[in-house]
C-alpha cells in the first residue's frame, strides 16, 4: 500500500510524481528530491548553499513527519549540488549538524543545473521506520 505525502505549505507537484511516498503502512518512506522553494515556487536563500540546505532538510523533515518518521529514520540520501567545490563545506556542515548517528548512507553528486533556476542544492532520501 502506498500513500502520497504532500505536506501543507509545499508546492503541488508539476507532473506525475509525489514529494513523498509512505509504503507498507509507513515502514518505508521515500522522499523525492527537495529544493529550497516556498509554496509558490520562489527560491529561498538565493546564492546561499548553507541556507538552501537548511530549507531542504526542513522540507524533508516535513515529508517524513507526515508519515510519522523523523530525520533519524533516514537510511539513505542523495545530494545534488551545482558547484561541489564551492558548496561542499556549506552543504556538509548543515548535513553534519542536522543528522544524528548512525548517519544515513549518502552520495554527493555535482550536476550542471537543477530544475528550479537559482537552486544550488537538491536532496532525496529514504527512511525506514521501526514498528512501534
N, C-alpha and C. Protein backbone atom coordinates (compact mmCIF):
# COMPACT_ATOMS: atom_id res chain seq x y z
N UNK A 1 0.84 -1.18 0.00
CA UNK A 1 0.00 0.00 0.00
C UNK A 1 0.89 1.24 0.00
N UNK A 2 0.59 2.19 -0.88
CA UNK A 2 1.35 3.42 -0.98
C UNK A 2 0.44 4.61 -0.64
N UNK A 3 1.00 5.55 0.11
CA UNK A 3 0.29 6.78 0.45
C UNK A 3 1.13 7.96 0.01
N UNK A 4 0.52 8.87 -0.74
CA UNK A 4 1.21 10.07 -1.19
C UNK A 4 1.35 11.05 -0.04
N UNK A 5 2.54 11.65 0.07
CA UNK A 5 2.82 12.63 1.12
C UNK A 5 3.06 13.99 0.48
N UNK A 6 2.19 14.96 0.79
CA UNK A 6 2.35 16.33 0.33
C UNK A 6 2.07 17.23 1.54
N UNK A 7 3.12 17.61 2.27
CA UNK A 7 2.91 18.44 3.45
C UNK A 7 2.30 19.79 3.11
N UNK A 8 1.54 20.32 4.04
CA UNK A 8 0.96 21.65 3.89
C UNK A 8 2.09 22.66 3.71
N UNK A 9 1.92 23.58 2.78
CA UNK A 9 2.94 24.59 2.52
C UNK A 9 3.91 24.21 1.42
N UNK A 10 3.90 22.94 1.01
CA UNK A 10 4.73 22.53 -0.12
C UNK A 10 3.97 22.83 -1.40
N UNK A 11 4.70 23.18 -2.43
CA UNK A 11 4.05 23.41 -3.72
C UNK A 11 3.54 22.08 -4.26
N UNK A 12 2.45 22.15 -5.00
CA UNK A 12 1.89 20.94 -5.62
C UNK A 12 2.85 20.47 -6.71
N UNK A 13 3.00 19.16 -6.86
CA UNK A 13 3.90 18.64 -7.90
C UNK A 13 3.47 19.07 -9.29
N UNK A 14 4.46 19.38 -10.12
CA UNK A 14 4.21 19.67 -11.52
C UNK A 14 4.60 18.39 -12.25
N UNK A 15 3.62 17.65 -12.68
CA UNK A 15 3.91 16.38 -13.33
C UNK A 15 3.52 15.22 -12.44
N UNK A 16 3.83 14.04 -12.90
CA UNK A 16 3.45 12.81 -12.22
C UNK A 16 4.55 12.33 -11.26
N UNK A 17 4.61 12.95 -10.11
CA UNK A 17 5.50 12.48 -9.05
C UNK A 17 4.92 12.92 -7.72
N UNK A 18 5.37 12.32 -6.66
CA UNK A 18 4.94 12.66 -5.31
C UNK A 18 6.12 13.21 -4.53
N UNK A 19 5.92 14.25 -3.71
CA UNK A 19 7.01 14.72 -2.86
C UNK A 19 7.51 13.62 -1.93
N UNK A 20 6.60 12.75 -1.53
CA UNK A 20 6.97 11.62 -0.71
C UNK A 20 5.97 10.50 -0.86
N UNK A 21 6.42 9.29 -0.59
CA UNK A 21 5.55 8.12 -0.57
C UNK A 21 5.81 7.33 0.70
N UNK A 22 4.74 6.99 1.37
CA UNK A 22 4.80 6.10 2.52
C UNK A 22 4.37 4.72 2.02
N UNK A 23 5.18 3.71 2.29
CA UNK A 23 4.93 2.37 1.77
C UNK A 23 4.89 1.38 2.94
N UNK A 24 4.07 0.36 2.80
CA UNK A 24 3.97 -0.70 3.80
C UNK A 24 3.55 -0.12 5.15
N UNK A 25 2.47 0.68 5.13
CA UNK A 25 1.94 1.25 6.38
C UNK A 25 2.87 2.23 7.06
N UNK A 26 3.76 2.85 6.30
CA UNK A 26 4.68 3.84 6.86
C UNK A 26 6.03 3.28 7.25
N UNK A 27 6.25 2.01 7.02
CA UNK A 27 7.54 1.42 7.39
C UNK A 27 8.66 1.97 6.51
N UNK A 28 8.37 2.22 5.25
CA UNK A 28 9.34 2.79 4.32
C UNK A 28 8.80 4.13 3.83
N UNK A 29 9.67 5.13 3.82
CA UNK A 29 9.28 6.46 3.35
C UNK A 29 10.31 6.90 2.32
N UNK A 30 9.83 7.23 1.14
CA UNK A 30 10.68 7.68 0.04
C UNK A 30 10.40 9.16 -0.19
N UNK A 31 11.44 9.97 -0.15
CA UNK A 31 11.30 11.42 -0.30
C UNK A 31 11.93 11.83 -1.64
N UNK A 32 11.10 12.42 -2.51
CA UNK A 32 11.61 12.93 -3.78
C UNK A 32 12.60 14.05 -3.53
N UNK A 33 13.39 14.35 -4.54
CA UNK A 33 14.33 15.45 -4.42
C UNK A 33 13.64 16.73 -4.01
N UNK A 34 14.13 17.33 -2.95
CA UNK A 34 13.57 18.58 -2.42
C UNK A 34 14.54 19.71 -2.70
N UNK A 35 14.00 20.86 -3.08
CA UNK A 35 14.80 22.06 -3.29
C UNK A 35 14.28 23.17 -2.39
N UNK A 36 15.04 24.24 -2.30
CA UNK A 36 14.71 25.34 -1.38
C UNK A 36 13.76 26.33 -2.05
N UNK A 37 12.48 25.93 -2.15
CA UNK A 37 11.46 26.83 -2.68
C UNK A 37 10.29 26.88 -1.70
N UNK A 38 9.52 27.97 -1.80
CA UNK A 38 8.32 28.08 -0.98
C UNK A 38 7.13 27.50 -1.75
N UNK A 39 5.93 27.63 -1.20
CA UNK A 39 4.73 27.05 -1.81
C UNK A 39 4.41 27.64 -3.18
N UNK A 40 4.98 28.81 -3.48
CA UNK A 40 4.73 29.48 -4.76
C UNK A 40 5.86 29.28 -5.75
N UNK A 41 6.87 28.49 -5.37
CA UNK A 41 7.99 28.21 -6.26
C UNK A 41 9.11 29.23 -6.19
N UNK A 42 9.05 30.17 -5.25
CA UNK A 42 10.12 31.16 -5.09
C UNK A 42 11.32 30.51 -4.39
N UNK A 43 12.51 30.77 -4.91
CA UNK A 43 13.73 30.21 -4.33
C UNK A 43 14.04 30.92 -3.01
N UNK A 44 14.31 30.13 -1.98
CA UNK A 44 14.67 30.67 -0.66
C UNK A 44 16.18 30.58 -0.50
N UNK A 45 16.78 31.60 0.08
CA UNK A 45 18.23 31.62 0.28
C UNK A 45 19.01 31.68 -1.01
N UNK A 46 18.62 32.56 -1.95
CA UNK A 46 19.34 32.60 -3.23
C UNK A 46 20.83 32.87 -3.03
N UNK A 47 21.66 32.08 -3.71
CA UNK A 47 23.10 32.25 -3.63
C UNK A 47 23.75 31.71 -2.37
N UNK A 48 22.97 31.14 -1.45
CA UNK A 48 23.48 30.69 -0.15
C UNK A 48 23.23 29.18 0.01
N UNK A 49 24.24 28.37 -0.29
CA UNK A 49 24.09 26.91 -0.25
C UNK A 49 23.75 26.40 1.14
N UNK A 50 24.30 27.01 2.19
CA UNK A 50 24.00 26.56 3.56
C UNK A 50 22.54 26.81 3.88
N UNK A 51 22.04 28.00 3.58
CA UNK A 51 20.63 28.33 3.85
C UNK A 51 19.72 27.41 3.05
N UNK A 52 20.05 27.19 1.77
CA UNK A 52 19.23 26.32 0.95
C UNK A 52 19.23 24.89 1.50
N UNK A 53 20.36 24.42 1.99
CA UNK A 53 20.43 23.07 2.56
C UNK A 53 19.56 22.98 3.81
N UNK A 54 19.57 24.02 4.63
CA UNK A 54 18.70 24.04 5.82
C UNK A 54 17.24 23.95 5.42
N UNK A 55 16.85 24.74 4.41
CA UNK A 55 15.46 24.72 3.93
C UNK A 55 15.11 23.33 3.40
N UNK A 56 16.01 22.74 2.64
CA UNK A 56 15.76 21.41 2.07
C UNK A 56 15.58 20.38 3.18
N UNK A 57 16.43 20.39 4.20
CA UNK A 57 16.26 19.44 5.29
C UNK A 57 14.96 19.70 6.05
N UNK A 58 14.54 20.95 6.18
CA UNK A 58 13.24 21.26 6.78
C UNK A 58 12.11 20.64 5.96
N UNK A 59 12.21 20.77 4.65
CA UNK A 59 11.19 20.19 3.75
C UNK A 59 11.18 18.67 3.86
N UNK A 60 12.35 18.06 3.90
CA UNK A 60 12.43 16.61 4.06
C UNK A 60 11.80 16.20 5.39
N UNK A 61 12.11 16.95 6.43
CA UNK A 61 11.56 16.66 7.76
C UNK A 61 10.03 16.72 7.74
N UNK A 62 9.47 17.67 7.01
CA UNK A 62 8.01 17.81 6.91
C UNK A 62 7.39 16.61 6.19
N UNK A 63 8.03 16.16 5.12
CA UNK A 63 7.53 14.99 4.40
C UNK A 63 7.58 13.76 5.32
N UNK A 64 8.72 13.58 5.98
CA UNK A 64 8.87 12.44 6.89
C UNK A 64 7.84 12.49 8.02
N UNK A 65 7.62 13.66 8.58
CA UNK A 65 6.69 13.81 9.70
C UNK A 65 5.27 13.39 9.30
N UNK A 66 4.89 13.67 8.07
CA UNK A 66 3.56 13.29 7.62
C UNK A 66 3.38 11.78 7.65
N UNK A 67 4.48 11.03 7.59
CA UNK A 67 4.44 9.57 7.64
C UNK A 67 4.80 9.04 9.03
N UNK A 68 4.97 9.93 10.00
CA UNK A 68 5.34 9.50 11.35
C UNK A 68 6.81 9.19 11.51
N UNK A 69 7.64 9.74 10.62
CA UNK A 69 9.09 9.49 10.66
C UNK A 69 9.83 10.78 10.97
N UNK A 70 11.12 10.66 11.23
CA UNK A 70 11.98 11.81 11.51
C UNK A 70 13.27 11.68 10.70
N UNK A 71 14.10 12.70 10.76
CA UNK A 71 15.40 12.64 10.10
C UNK A 71 16.23 11.47 10.61
N UNK A 72 16.03 11.08 11.87
CA UNK A 72 16.78 9.96 12.44
C UNK A 72 16.44 8.63 11.76
N UNK A 73 15.31 8.57 11.06
CA UNK A 73 14.91 7.35 10.37
C UNK A 73 15.51 7.23 8.97
N UNK A 74 16.19 8.28 8.49
CA UNK A 74 16.80 8.23 7.17
C UNK A 74 17.88 7.16 7.10
N UNK A 75 17.86 6.39 6.04
CA UNK A 75 18.91 5.38 5.82
C UNK A 75 19.75 5.69 4.59
N UNK A 76 19.25 6.58 3.73
CA UNK A 76 19.99 6.89 2.51
C UNK A 76 19.62 8.29 2.01
N UNK A 77 20.63 9.01 1.54
CA UNK A 77 20.46 10.34 0.95
C UNK A 77 21.22 10.42 -0.36
N UNK A 78 20.69 11.18 -1.29
CA UNK A 78 21.44 11.58 -2.47
C UNK A 78 21.35 13.10 -2.52
N UNK A 79 22.52 13.74 -2.53
CA UNK A 79 22.60 15.20 -2.53
C UNK A 79 23.18 15.65 -3.86
N UNK A 80 22.46 16.54 -4.51
CA UNK A 80 22.89 17.09 -5.79
C UNK A 80 23.25 18.56 -5.58
N UNK A 81 24.41 18.97 -6.05
CA UNK A 81 24.83 20.37 -5.96
C UNK A 81 25.31 20.83 -7.33
N UNK A 82 25.16 22.14 -7.60
CA UNK A 82 25.58 22.64 -8.90
C UNK A 82 27.06 23.03 -8.92
N UNK A 83 27.67 23.19 -7.74
CA UNK A 83 29.11 23.52 -7.69
C UNK A 83 29.71 22.87 -6.44
N UNK A 84 30.20 21.66 -6.58
CA UNK A 84 30.69 20.90 -5.43
C UNK A 84 31.90 21.56 -4.78
N UNK A 85 32.79 22.12 -5.57
CA UNK A 85 33.99 22.75 -4.97
C UNK A 85 33.62 23.95 -4.11
N UNK A 86 32.70 24.77 -4.61
CA UNK A 86 32.30 25.97 -3.89
C UNK A 86 31.42 25.65 -2.68
N UNK A 87 30.51 24.66 -2.81
CA UNK A 87 29.45 24.49 -1.81
C UNK A 87 29.58 23.26 -0.92
N UNK A 88 30.61 22.43 -1.15
CA UNK A 88 30.76 21.21 -0.35
C UNK A 88 30.77 21.49 1.15
N UNK A 89 31.58 22.42 1.60
CA UNK A 89 31.70 22.69 3.04
C UNK A 89 30.38 23.18 3.63
N UNK A 90 29.69 24.05 2.90
CA UNK A 90 28.43 24.59 3.41
C UNK A 90 27.37 23.49 3.52
N UNK A 91 27.23 22.69 2.47
CA UNK A 91 26.24 21.62 2.47
C UNK A 91 26.58 20.56 3.52
N UNK A 92 27.83 20.15 3.58
CA UNK A 92 28.26 19.15 4.56
C UNK A 92 28.10 19.65 5.99
N UNK A 93 28.38 20.92 6.21
CA UNK A 93 28.23 21.49 7.55
C UNK A 93 26.80 21.37 8.06
N UNK A 94 25.84 21.70 7.21
CA UNK A 94 24.44 21.59 7.61
C UNK A 94 24.06 20.12 7.79
N UNK A 95 24.43 19.28 6.82
CA UNK A 95 24.12 17.84 6.92
C UNK A 95 24.66 17.27 8.23
N UNK A 96 25.90 17.59 8.56
CA UNK A 96 26.52 17.05 9.77
C UNK A 96 25.85 17.56 11.04
N UNK A 97 25.28 18.76 10.97
CA UNK A 97 24.61 19.33 12.14
C UNK A 97 23.21 18.75 12.35
N UNK A 98 22.47 18.49 11.27
CA UNK A 98 21.08 18.08 11.43
C UNK A 98 20.89 16.57 11.55
N UNK A 99 21.88 15.79 11.15
CA UNK A 99 21.74 14.33 11.20
C UNK A 99 22.47 13.74 12.39
N UNK A 100 21.85 12.75 12.99
CA UNK A 100 22.44 12.05 14.13
C UNK A 100 23.09 10.75 13.67
N UNK A 101 23.88 10.15 14.56
CA UNK A 101 24.45 8.83 14.30
C UNK A 101 23.43 7.77 14.71
N UNK A 102 23.34 6.67 14.02
CA UNK A 102 24.14 6.36 12.84
C UNK A 102 23.68 7.19 11.65
N UNK A 103 24.63 7.73 10.94
CA UNK A 103 24.34 8.57 9.78
C UNK A 103 23.82 7.71 8.63
N UNK A 104 22.92 8.30 7.81
CA UNK A 104 22.47 7.55 6.64
C UNK A 104 23.59 7.42 5.62
N UNK A 105 23.45 6.44 4.74
CA UNK A 105 24.37 6.38 3.61
C UNK A 105 24.13 7.63 2.77
N UNK A 106 25.15 8.04 2.00
CA UNK A 106 25.00 9.30 1.30
C UNK A 106 25.86 9.34 0.05
N UNK A 107 25.33 9.98 -0.97
CA UNK A 107 26.10 10.28 -2.17
C UNK A 107 25.97 11.77 -2.42
N UNK A 108 27.05 12.39 -2.87
CA UNK A 108 27.07 13.82 -3.21
C UNK A 108 27.50 13.90 -4.66
N UNK A 109 26.62 14.48 -5.49
CA UNK A 109 26.83 14.50 -6.92
C UNK A 109 26.75 15.93 -7.44
N UNK A 110 27.73 16.31 -8.28
CA UNK A 110 27.65 17.62 -8.93
C UNK A 110 26.86 17.46 -10.23
N UNK A 111 25.92 18.40 -10.44
CA UNK A 111 25.10 18.42 -11.65
C UNK A 111 25.24 19.77 -12.33
N UNK A 112 24.95 19.84 -13.61
CA UNK A 112 25.11 21.10 -14.33
C UNK A 112 24.05 22.12 -13.95
N UNK A 113 22.86 21.67 -13.58
CA UNK A 113 21.81 22.57 -13.11
C UNK A 113 20.72 21.74 -12.45
N UNK A 114 19.85 22.45 -11.73
CA UNK A 114 18.68 21.83 -11.13
C UNK A 114 17.45 22.38 -11.83
N UNK A 115 16.32 21.74 -11.63
CA UNK A 115 15.12 22.10 -12.38
C UNK A 115 14.63 23.52 -12.07
N UNK A 116 14.86 24.01 -10.86
CA UNK A 116 14.47 25.36 -10.49
C UNK A 116 15.68 26.29 -10.58
N UNK A 117 15.60 27.31 -11.44
CA UNK A 117 16.69 28.28 -11.56
C UNK A 117 16.97 28.90 -10.20
N UNK A 118 18.23 29.00 -9.84
CA UNK A 118 18.63 29.60 -8.57
C UNK A 118 18.81 28.61 -7.44
N UNK A 119 18.34 27.38 -7.62
CA UNK A 119 18.55 26.36 -6.60
C UNK A 119 19.95 25.79 -6.75
N UNK A 120 20.64 25.68 -5.63
CA UNK A 120 22.01 25.18 -5.61
C UNK A 120 22.11 23.75 -5.10
N UNK A 121 21.06 23.29 -4.39
CA UNK A 121 21.09 22.01 -3.70
C UNK A 121 19.74 21.30 -3.86
N UNK A 122 19.79 20.00 -4.10
CA UNK A 122 18.58 19.16 -4.10
C UNK A 122 18.95 17.88 -3.36
N UNK A 123 18.04 17.42 -2.50
CA UNK A 123 18.31 16.21 -1.71
C UNK A 123 17.09 15.30 -1.75
N UNK A 124 17.34 14.01 -2.01
CA UNK A 124 16.30 12.99 -1.91
C UNK A 124 16.72 12.00 -0.82
N UNK A 125 15.76 11.26 -0.29
CA UNK A 125 16.09 10.33 0.78
C UNK A 125 15.14 9.17 0.92
N UNK A 126 15.59 8.19 1.66
CA UNK A 126 14.80 7.01 2.00
C UNK A 126 14.90 6.82 3.51
N UNK A 127 13.75 6.58 4.14
CA UNK A 127 13.72 6.32 5.57
C UNK A 127 13.08 4.97 5.84
N UNK A 128 13.53 4.32 6.89
CA UNK A 128 12.93 3.08 7.37
C UNK A 128 12.51 3.33 8.81
N UNK A 129 11.23 3.12 9.07
CA UNK A 129 10.66 3.39 10.37
C UNK A 129 10.46 2.06 11.10
N UNK A 130 11.05 1.95 12.28
CA UNK A 130 10.89 0.74 13.07
C UNK A 130 9.46 0.64 13.59
N UNK A 131 8.85 -0.54 13.51
CA UNK A 131 7.49 -0.70 14.03
C UNK A 131 7.45 -0.40 15.52
N UNK A 132 6.34 0.19 15.93
CA UNK A 132 6.19 0.54 17.36
C UNK A 132 5.26 -0.40 18.06
